[in-house]
């Protein structure tokens, strides 16, 4: 979507962008709640309409009628690998490198543990201080169990922190607070030059920007299914292990479905080859079915087109924010360069929480992260350019009218 933006962006200009948007039709594939402007797809994506009949079919026919035969006749047992391959297409991995499994946190635990156990001469996990908190918690927990070290440094010091003791570089591609995007290729290359492996958390980037894991020789990755991938609340996560590492690394949670013949029920564990060996317990079949619908929509749209629209959406939102909100105490915290950001714009404001709450009551759903960040996730498949214009107008109206200073918005409250 290579479009030169006009100098004067108004609502008509935004409507013109929507008219030329090759992805505009995908908005109708999702359930929309009336006039609500939903800019929180970086926390939880919208419901794909096709997920409803798919879940009904799975419940009434597969579960309700054929019952236990569904494990074979409906392909339940293979669904983590089958849908994993579809996710692999989306994130630039090869067939047989991605598995749908568990949560992002459990995936992180398994992959971090496997690396440190496989390379005992290297005892350091390198990460950044502002990494997603769960990633830091899991890394610290693994380090405590295995007697290793977490070396958390500032973003600018990541390359310098890599040395002969480093086993793993652990990073989230898109920062959940500011939307800033790492240079995946350069940092993966730096980790490899130091003899370390790299593990990327794609939770805030998959389905929002184009990802090319194999192109950048990425070793390991994890990601969740309920944000831009639109898999639904609590949707299962996925993990990626490059083919070259699948024999070296071992799944530390040796469950029965990772056995090379699980229905022999042997007392001794024998690991199944490839990504099947990363299976542990029974898959959440209905949840994987819902996730597969969201993945298919993304693949139909195409990751390059989604990434191009994300870059334009963020550019338009940032220009509107500078034009209308700079004089109202806001500061754009998201990088200006398109290649350095995901599909998210974050605005700093001293009264950010109250503003986000007040704007939500006007039908604009964003979210807030302490201490002062108003976050707006611009999911390319269903966000329109006119939504951005209208959202900024609502934010402007709230601050200019002082609505955010009303007692109901100033009261302490947590936003998930």
Protein backbone atom coordinates (compact mmCIF):
# COMPACT_ATOMS: atom_id res chain seq x y z
CA UNK A 1 0.00 0.00 0.00
CA UNK A 2 2.53 2.55 -1.22
CA UNK A 3 0.67 5.86 -0.85
CA UNK A 4 1.99 9.38 -0.45
CA UNK A 5 0.09 11.10 2.33
CA UNK A 6 -1.26 14.63 1.82
CA UNK A 7 0.25 17.41 3.90
CA UNK A 8 -3.13 18.27 5.36
CA UNK A 9 -4.69 15.13 6.78
CA UNK A 10 -8.40 15.54 7.48
CA UNK A 11 -11.26 13.10 7.74
CA UNK A 12 -11.91 13.22 4.01
CA UNK A 13 -8.29 12.33 3.33
CA UNK A 14 -8.57 9.40 5.74
CA UNK A 15 -11.75 8.23 4.03
CA UNK A 16 -9.91 8.38 0.70
CA UNK A 17 -7.20 6.13 2.16
CA UNK A 18 -9.88 3.65 3.21
CA UNK A 19 -11.32 3.68 -0.30
CA UNK A 20 -7.90 2.73 -1.71
CA UNK A 21 -7.09 0.17 0.99
CA UNK A 22 -6.64 -3.32 -0.56
CA UNK A 23 -7.34 -4.88 2.85
CA UNK A 24 -10.54 -2.92 3.51
CA UNK A 25 -12.77 -5.92 2.81
CA UNK A 26 -11.26 -7.92 5.63
CA UNK A 27 -12.94 -5.67 8.20
CA UNK A 28 -16.25 -7.35 7.40
CA UNK A 29 -14.77 -10.71 8.35
CA UNK A 30 -14.83 -9.68 12.02
CA UNK A 31 -17.65 -9.02 14.44
CA UNK A 32 -17.86 -5.27 15.01
CA UNK A 33 -19.62 -3.70 17.97
CA UNK A 34 -21.60 -0.88 16.42
CA UNK A 35 -19.86 2.49 16.53
CA UNK A 36 -17.05 1.38 18.85
CA UNK A 37 -13.56 2.33 17.63
CA UNK A 38 -11.49 -0.63 18.78
CA UNK A 39 -7.80 0.26 19.09
CA UNK A 40 -6.79 -2.50 21.50
CA UNK A 41 -5.98 -5.33 19.11
CA UNK A 42 -2.50 -5.47 20.64
CA UNK A 43 -4.16 -6.80 23.82
CA UNK A 44 -6.95 -8.93 22.35
CA UNK A 45 -8.11 -9.19 18.78
CA UNK A 46 -11.66 -9.08 17.46
CA UNK A 47 -13.77 -12.19 16.91
CA UNK A 48 -13.64 -13.58 13.35
CA UNK A 49 -17.21 -14.24 12.22
CA UNK A 50 -16.21 -17.61 10.77
CA UNK A 51 -15.05 -18.77 14.20
CA UNK A 52 -18.65 -18.99 15.41
CA UNK A 53 -19.88 -21.67 12.95
CA UNK A 54 -16.54 -23.46 13.18
CA UNK A 55 -16.80 -23.76 16.96
CA UNK A 56 -20.43 -24.84 16.70
CA UNK A 57 -19.49 -27.53 14.19
CA UNK A 58 -16.65 -28.76 16.40
CA UNK A 59 -18.88 -28.85 19.48
CA UNK A 60 -22.04 -30.33 17.95
CA UNK A 61 -20.61 -32.71 15.36
CA UNK A 62 -17.04 -33.54 16.30
CA UNK A 63 -17.40 -33.55 20.08
CA UNK A 64 -21.15 -34.15 20.30
CA UNK A 65 -21.56 -36.86 17.66
CA UNK A 66 -18.35 -38.67 16.77
CA UNK A 67 -16.94 -38.22 20.28
CA UNK A 68 -13.59 -39.92 20.93
CA UNK A 69 -13.18 -40.77 17.25
CA UNK A 70 -12.55 -37.06 16.71
CA UNK A 71 -8.92 -37.56 17.73
CA UNK A 72 -8.37 -39.38 14.44
CA UNK A 73 -11.37 -38.70 12.17
CA UNK A 74 -11.31 -34.93 12.79
CA UNK A 75 -7.55 -34.65 13.10
CA UNK A 76 -7.58 -33.38 16.68
CA UNK A 77 -4.29 -35.09 17.51
CA UNK A 78 -2.50 -33.47 14.57
CA UNK A 79 -4.02 -30.01 15.02
CA UNK A 80 -1.06 -28.52 16.96
CA UNK A 81 1.27 -29.45 14.10
CA UNK A 82 -1.17 -28.64 11.30
CA UNK A 83 -2.06 -25.16 12.60
CA UNK A 84 1.57 -24.71 13.64
CA UNK A 85 2.59 -25.05 10.01
CA UNK A 86 0.05 -22.39 9.06
CA UNK A 87 1.52 -20.04 11.66
CA UNK A 88 4.95 -20.91 10.29
CA UNK A 89 3.84 -19.62 6.87
CA UNK A 90 2.80 -16.36 8.50
CA UNK A 91 6.05 -15.78 10.43
CA UNK A 92 8.48 -16.93 7.77
CA UNK A 93 9.35 -20.38 9.13
CA UNK A 94 9.54 -23.71 7.32
CA UNK A 95 7.08 -26.57 7.55
CA UNK A 96 7.75 -28.66 10.66
CA UNK A 97 9.22 -25.79 12.72
CA UNK A 98 6.18 -24.44 14.60
CA UNK A 99 3.89 -26.10 17.15
CA UNK A 100 0.74 -24.72 18.77
CA UNK A 101 1.11 -25.40 22.48
CA UNK A 102 0.34 -24.11 25.95
CA UNK A 103 0.89 -20.42 26.78
CA UNK A 104 3.67 -18.04 25.84
CA UNK A 105 5.03 -18.32 29.38
CA UNK A 106 5.22 -22.11 29.26
CA UNK A 107 6.81 -21.94 25.81
CA UNK A 108 9.45 -19.55 27.12
CA UNK A 109 10.18 -21.85 30.04
CA UNK A 110 10.60 -24.85 27.79
CA UNK A 111 12.83 -23.16 25.23
CA UNK A 112 15.04 -21.29 27.71
CA UNK A 113 15.51 -24.44 29.78
CA UNK A 114 16.35 -26.53 26.72
CA UNK A 115 19.09 -24.12 25.61
CA UNK A 116 20.75 -23.88 29.02
CA UNK A 117 20.69 -27.65 29.49
CA UNK A 118 22.12 -28.26 26.01
CA UNK A 119 25.02 -25.80 26.48
CA UNK A 120 26.13 -26.07 30.10
CA UNK A 121 29.41 -24.25 29.44
CA UNK A 122 27.42 -21.03 28.84
CA UNK A 123 25.40 -19.84 31.84
CA UNK A 124 24.07 -16.38 30.94
CA UNK A 125 20.73 -15.26 29.49
CA UNK A 126 21.06 -11.78 27.97
CA UNK A 127 17.94 -9.65 27.78
CA UNK A 128 16.85 -6.04 28.14
CA UNK A 129 15.59 -4.40 31.29
CA UNK A 130 12.36 -3.29 29.63
CA UNK A 131 11.51 -6.70 28.15
CA UNK A 132 7.95 -7.90 28.68
CA UNK A 133 7.70 -8.71 32.41
CA UNK A 134 6.60 -12.32 31.92
CA UNK A 135 9.70 -12.98 29.82
CA UNK A 136 11.86 -11.59 32.63
CA UNK A 137 9.99 -13.59 35.28
CA UNK A 138 10.35 -16.86 33.36
CA UNK A 139 14.04 -16.24 32.62
CA UNK A 140 14.71 -15.49 36.30
CA UNK A 141 12.84 -18.64 37.34
CA UNK A 142 14.82 -20.84 34.96
CA UNK A 143 18.08 -19.24 36.04
CA UNK A 144 17.22 -19.90 39.68
CA UNK A 145 16.46 -23.58 39.01
CA UNK A 146 19.55 -24.20 36.88
CA UNK A 147 22.00 -21.94 38.70
CA UNK A 148 22.43 -19.53 35.81
CA UNK A 149 22.45 -15.74 35.43
CA UNK A 150 20.10 -13.27 33.80
CA UNK A 151 22.00 -10.28 32.44
CA UNK A 152 19.36 -7.57 31.86
CA UNK A 153 20.76 -4.42 30.29
CA UNK A 154 19.51 -1.28 28.58
CA UNK A 155 18.51 -1.65 24.95
CA UNK A 156 21.57 0.21 23.68
CA UNK A 157 23.88 -2.17 25.57
CA UNK A 158 22.55 -5.48 24.21
CA UNK A 159 25.36 -6.14 21.74
CA UNK A 160 28.04 -5.24 24.28
CA UNK A 161 26.45 -7.61 26.82
CA UNK A 162 26.94 -10.65 24.57
CA UNK A 163 30.14 -12.58 25.34
CA UNK A 164 31.60 -16.08 25.61
CA UNK A 165 29.39 -16.82 28.64
CA UNK A 166 26.16 -16.00 26.82
CA UNK A 167 23.91 -18.96 26.05
CA UNK A 168 20.84 -17.08 24.86
CA UNK A 169 19.67 -13.64 23.77
CA UNK A 170 16.02 -13.28 24.83
CA UNK A 171 14.05 -10.39 23.33
CA UNK A 172 10.52 -9.29 22.45
CA UNK A 173 10.46 -7.99 18.88
CA UNK A 174 7.98 -5.16 19.49
CA UNK A 175 8.07 -3.36 22.83
CA UNK A 176 4.67 -3.61 24.51
CA UNK A 177 4.94 -0.13 26.02
CA UNK A 178 6.15 2.07 23.17
CA UNK A 179 5.69 -0.10 20.08
CA UNK A 180 9.39 0.18 19.24
CA UNK A 181 10.61 -2.68 17.05
CA UNK A 182 13.99 -4.35 17.33
CA UNK A 183 16.17 -5.02 14.31
CA UNK A 184 15.68 -8.78 14.31
CA UNK A 185 18.32 -9.48 11.68
CA UNK A 186 21.10 -7.40 13.24
CA UNK A 187 20.54 -8.67 16.78
CA UNK A 188 20.25 -12.29 15.69
CA UNK A 189 23.53 -11.90 13.82
CA UNK A 190 25.16 -10.33 16.89
CA UNK A 191 24.03 -13.23 19.10
CA UNK A 192 25.38 -15.80 16.65
CA UNK A 193 28.69 -13.95 16.39
CA UNK A 194 29.04 -14.35 20.16
CA UNK A 195 28.20 -18.06 19.94
CA UNK A 196 24.76 -17.63 21.53
CA UNK A 197 21.31 -18.64 20.35
CA UNK A 198 18.44 -16.17 20.09
CA UNK A 199 14.82 -16.47 21.25
CA UNK A 200 12.30 -13.93 19.97
CA UNK A 201 8.91 -13.28 21.56
CA UNK A 202 6.57 -12.40 18.68
CA UNK A 203 3.45 -11.77 20.77
CA UNK A 204 3.20 -8.09 19.81
CA UNK A 205 4.39 -8.46 16.22
CA UNK A 206 2.95 -11.60 14.58
CA UNK A 207 -0.10 -10.59 12.57
CA UNK A 208 0.88 -6.93 12.75
CA UNK A 209 4.15 -6.71 10.84
CA UNK A 210 5.91 -8.97 8.36
CA UNK A 211 8.23 -11.45 10.10
CA UNK A 212 10.91 -13.51 8.30
CA UNK A 213 12.37 -15.94 10.81
CA UNK A 214 14.28 -18.14 8.37
CA UNK A 215 15.56 -15.17 6.40
CA UNK A 216 17.17 -13.86 9.59
CA UNK A 217 18.34 -17.34 10.70
CA UNK A 218 16.33 -17.14 13.92
CA UNK A 219 16.84 -20.09 16.24
CA UNK A 220 13.78 -20.00 18.49
CA UNK A 221 10.56 -18.04 18.87
CA UNK A 222 7.33 -17.96 20.84
CA UNK A 223 4.13 -15.99 20.54
CA UNK A 224 0.55 -15.80 21.76
CA UNK A 225 -2.57 -16.36 19.69
CA UNK A 226 -5.04 -13.87 21.13
CA UNK A 227 -3.64 -10.48 20.10
CA UNK A 228 -3.23 -9.65 16.41
CA UNK A 229 -3.86 -13.30 15.44
CA UNK A 230 -7.46 -13.05 16.73
CA UNK A 231 -7.57 -16.49 18.33
CA UNK A 232 -9.79 -15.46 21.25
CA UNK A 233 -9.23 -14.89 24.97
CA UNK A 234 -6.72 -17.38 26.37
CA UNK A 235 -5.95 -18.67 22.88
CA UNK A 236 -3.05 -21.15 22.85
CA UNK A 237 0.43 -19.93 22.06
CA UNK A 238 2.99 -21.39 19.67
CA UNK A 239 6.69 -22.13 19.69
CA UNK A 240 9.25 -22.28 16.89
CA UNK A 241 12.42 -24.36 16.83
CA UNK A 242 14.65 -24.11 13.75
CA UNK A 243 15.13 -27.45 12.01
CA UNK A 244 18.88 -27.39 12.63
CA UNK A 245 18.32 -27.36 16.40
CA UNK A 246 15.56 -29.92 16.71
CA UNK A 247 17.92 -32.81 17.45
CA UNK A 248 20.15 -30.85 19.84
CA UNK A 249 17.48 -29.27 22.03
CA UNK A 250 15.24 -31.36 24.27
CA UNK A 251 11.75 -30.61 25.55
CA UNK A 252 12.09 -30.41 29.36
CA UNK A 253 8.39 -31.29 29.86
CA UNK A 254 8.38 -34.86 28.60
CA UNK A 255 4.68 -35.56 28.25
CA UNK A 256 3.01 -38.55 26.69
CA UNK A 257 2.17 -36.93 23.37
CA UNK A 258 5.86 -36.13 22.83
CA UNK A 259 6.61 -39.87 22.96
CA UNK A 260 7.45 -41.52 19.64
CA UNK A 261 4.48 -43.89 20.13
CA UNK A 262 2.25 -42.42 22.84
CA UNK A 263 -0.39 -45.15 22.71
CA UNK A 264 2.06 -47.89 23.63
CA UNK A 265 2.02 -46.31 27.10
CA UNK A 266 5.62 -47.28 27.76
CA UNK A 267 7.12 -46.54 31.15
CA UNK A 268 10.26 -45.23 29.45
CA UNK A 269 10.15 -41.96 27.51
CA UNK A 270 11.39 -42.02 23.92
CA UNK A 271 11.23 -38.63 22.24
CA UNK A 272 9.33 -38.28 18.99
CA UNK A 273 11.29 -36.68 16.13
CA UNK A 274 10.96 -33.05 15.11
CA UNK A 275 8.37 -30.69 16.56
CA UNK A 276 6.19 -33.62 17.64
CA UNK A 277 8.77 -34.15 20.38
CA UNK A 278 7.81 -30.72 21.78
CA UNK A 279 4.27 -31.87 22.46
CA UNK A 280 3.51 -32.66 26.10
CA UNK A 281 -0.16 -32.99 27.09
CA UNK A 282 -3.44 -33.18 25.22
CA UNK A 283 -4.04 -30.17 22.95
CA UNK A 284 -6.94 -27.72 23.59
CA UNK A 285 -8.81 -28.78 20.48
CA UNK A 286 -11.63 -26.22 20.45
CA UNK A 287 -9.24 -23.35 21.13
CA UNK A 288 -6.94 -24.45 18.33
CA UNK A 289 -9.95 -24.60 16.02
CA UNK A 290 -10.80 -20.98 16.80
CA UNK A 291 -7.19 -19.89 16.36
CA UNK A 292 -6.98 -21.59 12.97
CA UNK A 293 -9.75 -19.32 11.66
CA UNK A 294 -7.79 -16.19 12.55
CA UNK A 295 -4.61 -17.60 11.03
CA UNK A 296 -6.35 -18.45 7.75
CA UNK A 297 -7.65 -14.89 7.43
CA UNK A 298 -4.15 -13.50 7.95
CA UNK A 299 -2.66 -15.83 5.36
CA UNK A 300 -5.34 -14.82 2.87
CA UNK A 301 -4.49 -11.15 3.42
CA UNK A 302 -0.74 -11.80 3.21
CA UNK A 303 1.89 -10.73 5.74
CA UNK A 304 3.56 -8.17 3.41
CA UNK A 305 0.26 -6.35 2.78
CA UNK A 306 -0.59 -6.41 6.49
CA UNK A 307 2.83 -4.97 7.33
CA UNK A 308 2.51 -2.23 4.72
CA UNK A 309 -0.86 -1.16 6.04
CA UNK A 310 0.44 -1.22 9.64
CA UNK A 311 3.20 1.19 8.65
CA UNK A 312 0.69 3.55 7.03
CA UNK A 313 -1.79 3.34 9.91
CA UNK A 314 0.87 4.23 12.45
CA UNK A 315 2.17 7.04 10.25
CA UNK A 316 -1.30 8.58 9.90
CA UNK A 317 -2.05 8.27 13.62
CA UNK A 318 1.27 9.84 14.59
CA UNK A 319 0.78 12.75 12.17
CA UNK A 320 -2.71 13.37 13.54
CA UNK A 321 -1.38 13.16 17.10
CA UNK A 322 1.35 15.69 16.40
CA UNK A 323 -1.11 18.04 14.71
CA UNK A 324 -3.87 17.87 17.33
CA UNK A 325 -2.34 16.62 20.58
CA UNK A 326 1.19 18.01 20.88
CA UNK A 327 -0.21 21.23 22.33
CA UNK A 328 -2.34 19.37 24.88
CA UNK A 329 0.47 17.77 26.87
CA UNK A 330 0.93 14.65 24.77
CA UNK A 331 4.23 13.24 23.52
CA UNK A 332 4.47 10.53 20.86
CA UNK A 333 6.56 7.75 22.39
CA UNK A 334 6.61 5.50 19.32
CA UNK A 335 9.61 5.82 16.94
CA UNK A 336 9.12 7.96 13.85
CA UNK A 337 10.87 5.54 11.45
CA UNK A 338 8.36 2.97 10.08
CA UNK A 339 10.86 0.09 10.25
CA UNK A 340 11.37 0.74 13.97
CA UNK A 341 7.75 0.29 15.07
CA UNK A 342 5.01 -2.31 15.14
CA UNK A 343 1.28 -1.72 14.62
CA UNK A 344 0.97 0.41 17.73
CA UNK A 345 1.20 4.07 18.71
CA UNK A 346 1.83 5.10 22.31
CA UNK A 347 1.25 8.61 23.61
CA UNK A 348 2.71 9.88 26.87
CA UNK A 349 0.57 12.11 29.07
CA UNK A 350 0.77 12.87 32.79
CA UNK A 351 -2.96 12.12 33.14
CA UNK A 352 -2.94 9.22 30.72
CA UNK A 353 -5.01 6.73 32.72
CA UNK A 354 -7.89 9.14 33.24
CA UNK A 355 -7.80 10.14 29.57
CA UNK A 356 -7.95 6.52 28.38
CA UNK A 357 -10.92 5.87 30.68
CA UNK A 358 -12.76 8.99 29.57
CA UNK A 359 -12.14 8.29 25.89
CA UNK A 360 -13.42 4.72 26.36
CA UNK A 361 -16.73 6.15 27.53
CA UNK A 362 -16.90 7.97 24.20
CA UNK A 363 -16.49 4.65 22.36
CA UNK A 364 -12.74 4.64 21.69
CA UNK A 365 -11.13 1.56 23.24
CA UNK A 366 -7.39 1.80 23.88
CA UNK A 367 -5.44 0.95 27.00
CA UNK A 368 -2.90 2.32 29.46
CA UNK A 369 0.46 1.18 30.75
CA UNK A 370 2.19 2.80 33.74
CA UNK A 371 3.43 5.31 34.35
CA UNK A 372 2.01 7.51 31.58
CA UNK A 373 1.47 5.61 28.31
CA UNK A 374 -1.81 5.66 26.39
CA UNK A 375 -1.54 2.70 23.98
CA UNK A 376 -3.42 2.30 20.73
CA UNK A 377 -3.08 -0.98 18.80
CA UNK A 378 -3.88 -0.55 15.12
CA UNK A 379 -4.75 -4.05 13.89
CA UNK A 380 -4.44 -3.77 10.09
CA UNK A 381 -7.20 -6.25 9.20
CA UNK A 382 -10.04 -4.28 10.75
CA UNK A 383 -8.79 -0.77 11.63
CA UNK A 384 -9.85 2.02 9.24
CA UNK A 385 -8.06 5.30 8.66
CA UNK A 386 -11.19 7.25 9.56
CA UNK A 387 -11.10 5.44 12.92
CA UNK A 388 -7.79 7.15 13.60
CA UNK A 389 -9.15 10.60 12.77
CA UNK A 390 -12.22 10.05 14.94
CA UNK A 391 -10.13 8.67 17.83
CA UNK A 392 -7.83 11.69 17.86
CA UNK A 393 -10.84 14.01 17.77
CA UNK A 394 -12.33 12.24 20.79
CA UNK A 395 -9.03 12.46 22.68
CA UNK A 396 -8.82 16.15 21.85
CA UNK A 397 -12.38 16.77 23.03
CA UNK A 398 -11.78 14.96 26.33
CA UNK A 399 -8.68 16.97 27.21
CA UNK A 400 -9.93 20.35 25.95
CA UNK A 401 -13.17 19.96 27.91
CA UNK A 402 -11.38 18.74 31.06
CA UNK A 403 -13.55 15.60 31.15
CA UNK A 404 -10.55 13.55 32.25
CA UNK A 405 -10.41 15.58 35.47
CA UNK A 406 -13.85 14.44 36.59
CA UNK A 407 -13.80 12.38 39.82
CA UNK A 408 -15.01 9.17 38.16
CA UNK A 409 -11.96 9.17 35.91
CA UNK A 410 -9.44 10.22 38.54
CA UNK A 411 -10.30 7.36 40.91
CA UNK A 412 -7.68 4.61 41.10
CA UNK A 413 -8.48 1.66 38.84
CA UNK A 414 -6.56 -1.09 37.05
CA UNK A 415 -6.79 -1.53 33.29
CA UNK A 416 -5.99 -5.09 32.05
